[in-house]
N, C-alpha and C. Protein backbone atom coordinates (compact mmCIF):
# COMPACT_ATOMS: atom_id res chain seq x y z
N MET A 1 0.68 -0.94 0.08
CA MET A 1 0.04 0.17 0.28
C MET A 1 0.98 1.00 0.34
N PRO A 2 0.75 2.08 -0.95
CA PRO A 2 1.49 3.51 -0.54
C PRO A 2 1.39 4.03 0.32
N GLU A 3 2.36 5.09 0.94
CA GLU A 3 1.81 5.96 1.64
C GLU A 3 1.23 7.23 1.06
N LEU A 4 0.31 7.58 2.01
CA LEU A 4 0.01 8.82 2.09
C LEU A 4 0.46 10.40 2.12
N THR A 5 0.23 11.50 1.04
CA THR A 5 1.49 12.52 1.21
C THR A 5 0.62 13.26 2.30
N GLN A 6 1.44 14.63 2.82
CA GLN A 6 0.24 14.93 4.15
C GLN A 6 -1.01 15.37 4.02
N THR A 7 -0.69 16.09 2.60
CA THR A 7 -2.09 16.62 2.16
C THR A 7 -3.25 15.57 2.14
N GLU A 8 -3.00 14.63 1.41
CA GLU A 8 -4.15 13.33 1.97
C GLU A 8 -3.91 12.70 3.65
N LEU A 9 -3.14 12.89 4.09
CA LEU A 9 -3.38 13.19 5.41
C LEU A 9 -4.52 13.93 6.09
N ASP A 10 -3.90 14.99 6.01
CA ASP A 10 -5.13 16.11 6.35
C ASP A 10 -6.15 16.33 5.59
N ASN A 11 -6.31 15.88 4.82
CA ASN A 11 -7.33 15.84 4.06
C ASN A 11 -9.11 14.60 4.37
N ARG A 12 -8.15 13.66 5.05
CA ARG A 12 -8.91 12.76 5.78
C ARG A 12 -9.84 12.80 7.01
N PRO A 13 -11.33 12.71 6.76
CA PRO A 13 -12.26 13.26 7.31
C PRO A 13 -12.29 12.89 8.90
N TYR A 14 -12.57 13.78 10.39
CA TYR A 14 -12.90 13.73 11.55
C TYR A 14 -14.36 12.92 11.31
N LEU A 15 -14.45 12.20 12.30
CA LEU A 15 -15.68 11.92 12.38
C LEU A 15 -16.22 12.46 14.07
N LEU A 16 -17.29 13.06 13.87
CA LEU A 16 -18.12 13.37 15.16
C LEU A 16 -18.91 12.55 15.33
N TYR A 17 -18.76 12.07 16.64
CA TYR A 17 -20.24 11.30 17.55
C TYR A 17 -20.84 11.83 18.11
N HIS A 18 -22.45 12.06 17.81
CA HIS A 18 -22.64 13.14 18.34
C HIS A 18 -24.59 12.13 18.45
N THR A 19 -25.90 13.40 18.60
CA THR A 19 -27.18 12.78 18.34
C THR A 19 -27.99 13.32 18.34
N ASP A 20 -29.06 14.02 17.68
CA ASP A 20 -29.77 14.81 17.54
C ASP A 20 -30.59 15.38 18.49
N GLY A 21 -30.73 16.38 18.71
CA GLY A 21 -31.23 17.14 19.83
C GLY A 21 -29.61 17.63 21.12
N CYS A 22 -28.63 17.39 20.70
CA CYS A 22 -27.93 17.33 21.48
C CYS A 22 -26.83 18.88 21.02
N HIS A 23 -27.13 19.56 23.02
CA HIS A 23 -27.04 21.43 22.11
C HIS A 23 -25.18 21.18 22.47
N LEU A 24 -24.55 20.24 22.94
CA LEU A 24 -23.14 20.25 23.05
C LEU A 24 -22.67 19.86 22.10
N CYS A 25 -23.17 18.40 21.53
CA CYS A 25 -22.97 18.00 20.28
C CYS A 25 -22.97 19.60 18.92
N GLU A 26 -24.36 20.28 18.90
CA GLU A 26 -23.92 21.26 17.97
C GLU A 26 -23.30 22.39 18.43
N LEU A 27 -22.47 22.31 19.20
CA LEU A 27 -21.68 23.27 19.49
C LEU A 27 -20.33 23.24 19.26
N ALA A 28 -19.71 21.73 19.31
CA ALA A 28 -19.08 20.96 18.80
C ALA A 28 -18.62 21.70 17.34
N ALA A 29 -19.84 20.64 16.60
CA ALA A 29 -20.02 20.82 15.39
C ALA A 29 -20.00 22.44 14.95
N ALA A 30 -20.02 23.40 15.53
CA ALA A 30 -19.90 24.74 15.25
C ALA A 30 -18.61 25.14 15.16
N LEU A 31 -17.59 24.85 16.41
CA LEU A 31 -16.38 24.74 16.23
C LEU A 31 -15.44 24.15 15.02
N LEU A 32 -15.91 22.64 14.69
CA LEU A 32 -15.35 22.08 13.62
C LEU A 32 -15.37 22.92 12.48
N ASP A 33 -16.75 23.59 12.20
CA ASP A 33 -16.98 24.32 10.97
C ASP A 33 -16.44 25.87 10.96
N ALA A 34 -16.24 26.43 12.49
CA ALA A 34 -15.27 27.76 12.20
C ALA A 34 -13.88 27.52 12.18
N ALA A 35 -13.55 26.16 12.47
CA ALA A 35 -11.65 26.10 11.85
C ALA A 35 -11.91 25.14 10.93
N ASP A 36 -12.89 24.90 9.61
CA ASP A 36 -13.01 24.79 8.52
C ASP A 36 -12.45 22.83 8.36
N ILE A 37 -12.38 22.34 9.30
CA ILE A 37 -12.31 20.86 9.64
C ILE A 37 -13.44 20.17 8.64
N ASN A 38 -13.07 18.90 8.35
CA ASN A 38 -13.74 18.32 7.38
C ASN A 38 -13.89 17.15 8.30
N TYR A 39 -15.69 16.97 8.33
CA TYR A 39 -15.93 15.73 9.47
C TYR A 39 -17.09 15.19 8.76
N HIS A 40 -17.36 13.70 9.75
CA HIS A 40 -18.62 13.42 9.28
C HIS A 40 -19.37 13.04 9.97
N ALA A 41 -20.86 13.32 10.60
CA ALA A 41 -20.91 13.37 11.59
C ALA A 41 -22.00 12.32 11.74
N ILE A 42 -21.57 11.64 12.46
CA ILE A 42 -22.18 10.03 12.33
C ILE A 42 -23.28 10.08 13.80
N ASP A 43 -24.50 10.07 13.92
CA ASP A 43 -25.51 9.50 14.76
C ASP A 43 -25.39 8.13 15.66
N ILE A 44 -24.57 8.55 16.70
CA ILE A 44 -24.75 7.39 17.60
C ILE A 44 -26.11 6.54 17.79
N CYS A 45 -27.45 7.28 17.82
CA CYS A 45 -28.61 6.50 17.80
C CYS A 45 -28.49 5.25 16.71
N ASP A 46 -27.68 5.29 16.04
CA ASP A 46 -27.67 4.57 14.82
C ASP A 46 -27.27 3.08 14.92
N ASP A 47 -26.40 2.94 16.00
CA ASP A 47 -25.68 2.16 16.24
C ASP A 47 -25.58 1.43 17.63
N ALA A 48 -25.93 0.29 17.81
CA ALA A 48 -25.94 0.10 19.19
C ALA A 48 -24.97 -0.06 20.09
N TYR A 49 -23.73 -0.71 19.30
CA TYR A 49 -22.51 -0.28 19.82
C TYR A 49 -22.10 1.26 20.37
N LEU A 50 -21.88 1.95 19.18
CA LEU A 50 -21.68 3.27 18.95
C LEU A 50 -22.50 4.21 20.63
N ALA A 51 -23.88 3.73 20.30
CA ALA A 51 -24.78 3.96 21.68
C ALA A 51 -24.31 3.81 23.22
N GLN A 52 -23.87 2.61 23.27
CA GLN A 52 -23.46 2.16 24.46
C GLN A 52 -21.96 2.60 24.84
N ARG A 53 -21.17 2.82 24.12
CA ARG A 53 -19.85 3.12 23.85
C ARG A 53 -19.68 4.62 24.21
N TYR A 54 -20.87 5.38 23.63
CA TYR A 54 -20.50 6.77 23.66
C TYR A 54 -21.75 7.84 24.30
N GLY A 55 -22.57 7.15 24.40
CA GLY A 55 -23.93 7.35 25.10
C GLY A 55 -23.90 8.59 25.81
N VAL A 56 -23.04 8.63 26.71
CA VAL A 56 -22.65 9.81 28.32
C VAL A 56 -21.57 10.87 27.98
N SER A 57 -20.83 10.26 26.79
CA SER A 57 -19.67 11.18 26.45
C SER A 57 -19.65 11.53 25.71
N ILE A 58 -20.78 12.32 24.35
CA ILE A 58 -21.02 12.52 23.58
C ILE A 58 -20.87 14.41 23.57
N PRO A 59 -20.75 15.15 22.95
CA PRO A 59 -19.73 15.02 21.26
C PRO A 59 -17.97 14.12 21.77
N VAL A 60 -17.84 13.58 20.95
CA VAL A 60 -16.56 12.95 20.56
C VAL A 60 -16.45 13.08 19.36
N LEU A 61 -14.87 13.50 19.03
CA LEU A 61 -14.41 13.92 17.87
C LEU A 61 -12.86 12.85 17.51
N LYS A 62 -13.35 11.59 16.85
CA LYS A 62 -12.33 10.84 16.23
C LYS A 62 -11.66 10.65 14.84
N ALA A 63 -10.43 10.63 15.18
CA ALA A 63 -9.75 11.24 14.12
C ALA A 63 -9.00 9.61 13.46
N TRP A 64 -8.64 9.74 12.20
CA TRP A 64 -8.61 8.51 11.39
C TRP A 64 -7.59 7.26 11.63
N ASN A 65 -6.59 8.17 13.22
CA ASN A 65 -6.12 6.94 13.70
C ASN A 65 -6.27 6.61 14.99
N ASP A 66 -7.55 6.87 15.21
CA ASP A 66 -8.20 6.20 16.64
C ASP A 66 -8.10 7.04 17.70
N ASN A 67 -7.34 8.18 17.30
CA ASN A 67 -7.43 9.17 18.63
C ASN A 67 -8.50 9.90 18.78
N GLU A 68 -9.15 10.45 20.06
CA GLU A 68 -10.45 10.51 20.17
C GLU A 68 -10.11 11.78 21.30
N LEU A 69 -11.17 13.21 20.90
CA LEU A 69 -10.74 14.20 21.55
C LEU A 69 -12.13 13.98 22.29
N GLN A 70 -12.31 14.36 23.81
CA GLN A 70 -14.14 14.25 24.45
C GLN A 70 -14.21 15.15 24.60
N TRP A 71 -15.34 15.71 24.89
CA TRP A 71 -16.21 17.08 25.18
C TRP A 71 -16.18 17.47 26.71
N PRO A 72 -15.48 18.47 27.38
CA PRO A 72 -15.90 19.33 26.42
C PRO A 72 -13.96 19.75 25.97
N PHE A 73 -14.23 20.57 24.62
CA PHE A 73 -13.00 21.24 24.23
C PHE A 73 -12.98 22.48 23.27
N ASN A 74 -11.97 23.27 23.28
CA ASN A 74 -12.08 24.59 22.80
C ASN A 74 -11.78 24.42 21.85
N ALA A 75 -11.54 25.97 20.76
CA ALA A 75 -11.08 26.09 19.68
C ALA A 75 -9.16 25.59 19.56
N THR A 76 -8.55 26.17 20.84
CA THR A 76 -7.55 25.80 21.24
C THR A 76 -6.90 24.19 21.15
N GLN A 77 -7.69 23.58 22.24
CA GLN A 77 -7.76 21.98 21.90
C GLN A 77 -7.95 21.24 21.01
N LEU A 78 -8.66 22.29 19.83
CA LEU A 78 -9.06 21.50 18.56
C LEU A 78 -8.44 21.50 17.25
N GLN A 79 -7.73 22.75 17.53
CA GLN A 79 -6.35 22.89 16.89
C GLN A 79 -5.17 22.06 17.27
N GLU A 80 -4.97 21.90 18.95
CA GLU A 80 -4.03 21.00 18.84
C GLU A 80 -4.13 19.59 18.65
N PHE A 81 -5.42 19.24 18.75
CA PHE A 81 -6.01 17.81 17.89
C PHE A 81 -5.73 17.41 16.77
N THR A 82 -6.33 18.26 15.82
CA THR A 82 -6.42 18.17 14.59
C THR A 82 -5.02 18.91 14.21
N GLY A 83 -4.28 19.74 14.26
CA GLY A 83 -3.54 20.19 14.08
C GLY A 83 -3.86 21.33 13.02
N ALA A 84 -4.54 21.67 12.89
CA ALA A 84 -5.59 22.73 11.59
C ALA A 84 -5.07 24.04 12.34
């Protein structure tokens, strides 16, 4: 498998574990949007494992390398986590 370039690594989307109606999840999404970070929002209610794993800790931002940033986080912590 060929190695990915830094640009390809930087463009890999993050996963934002959330659920509808979660005001903290909305705040996290707003931080991601403001930082122009590529992410996919994953509703944990659509998957029993995710609901059990993240039910009391959402929002959680997960990187492609499985590192996670747990809420609460601010713009500075988000920048440190993503390198953005």
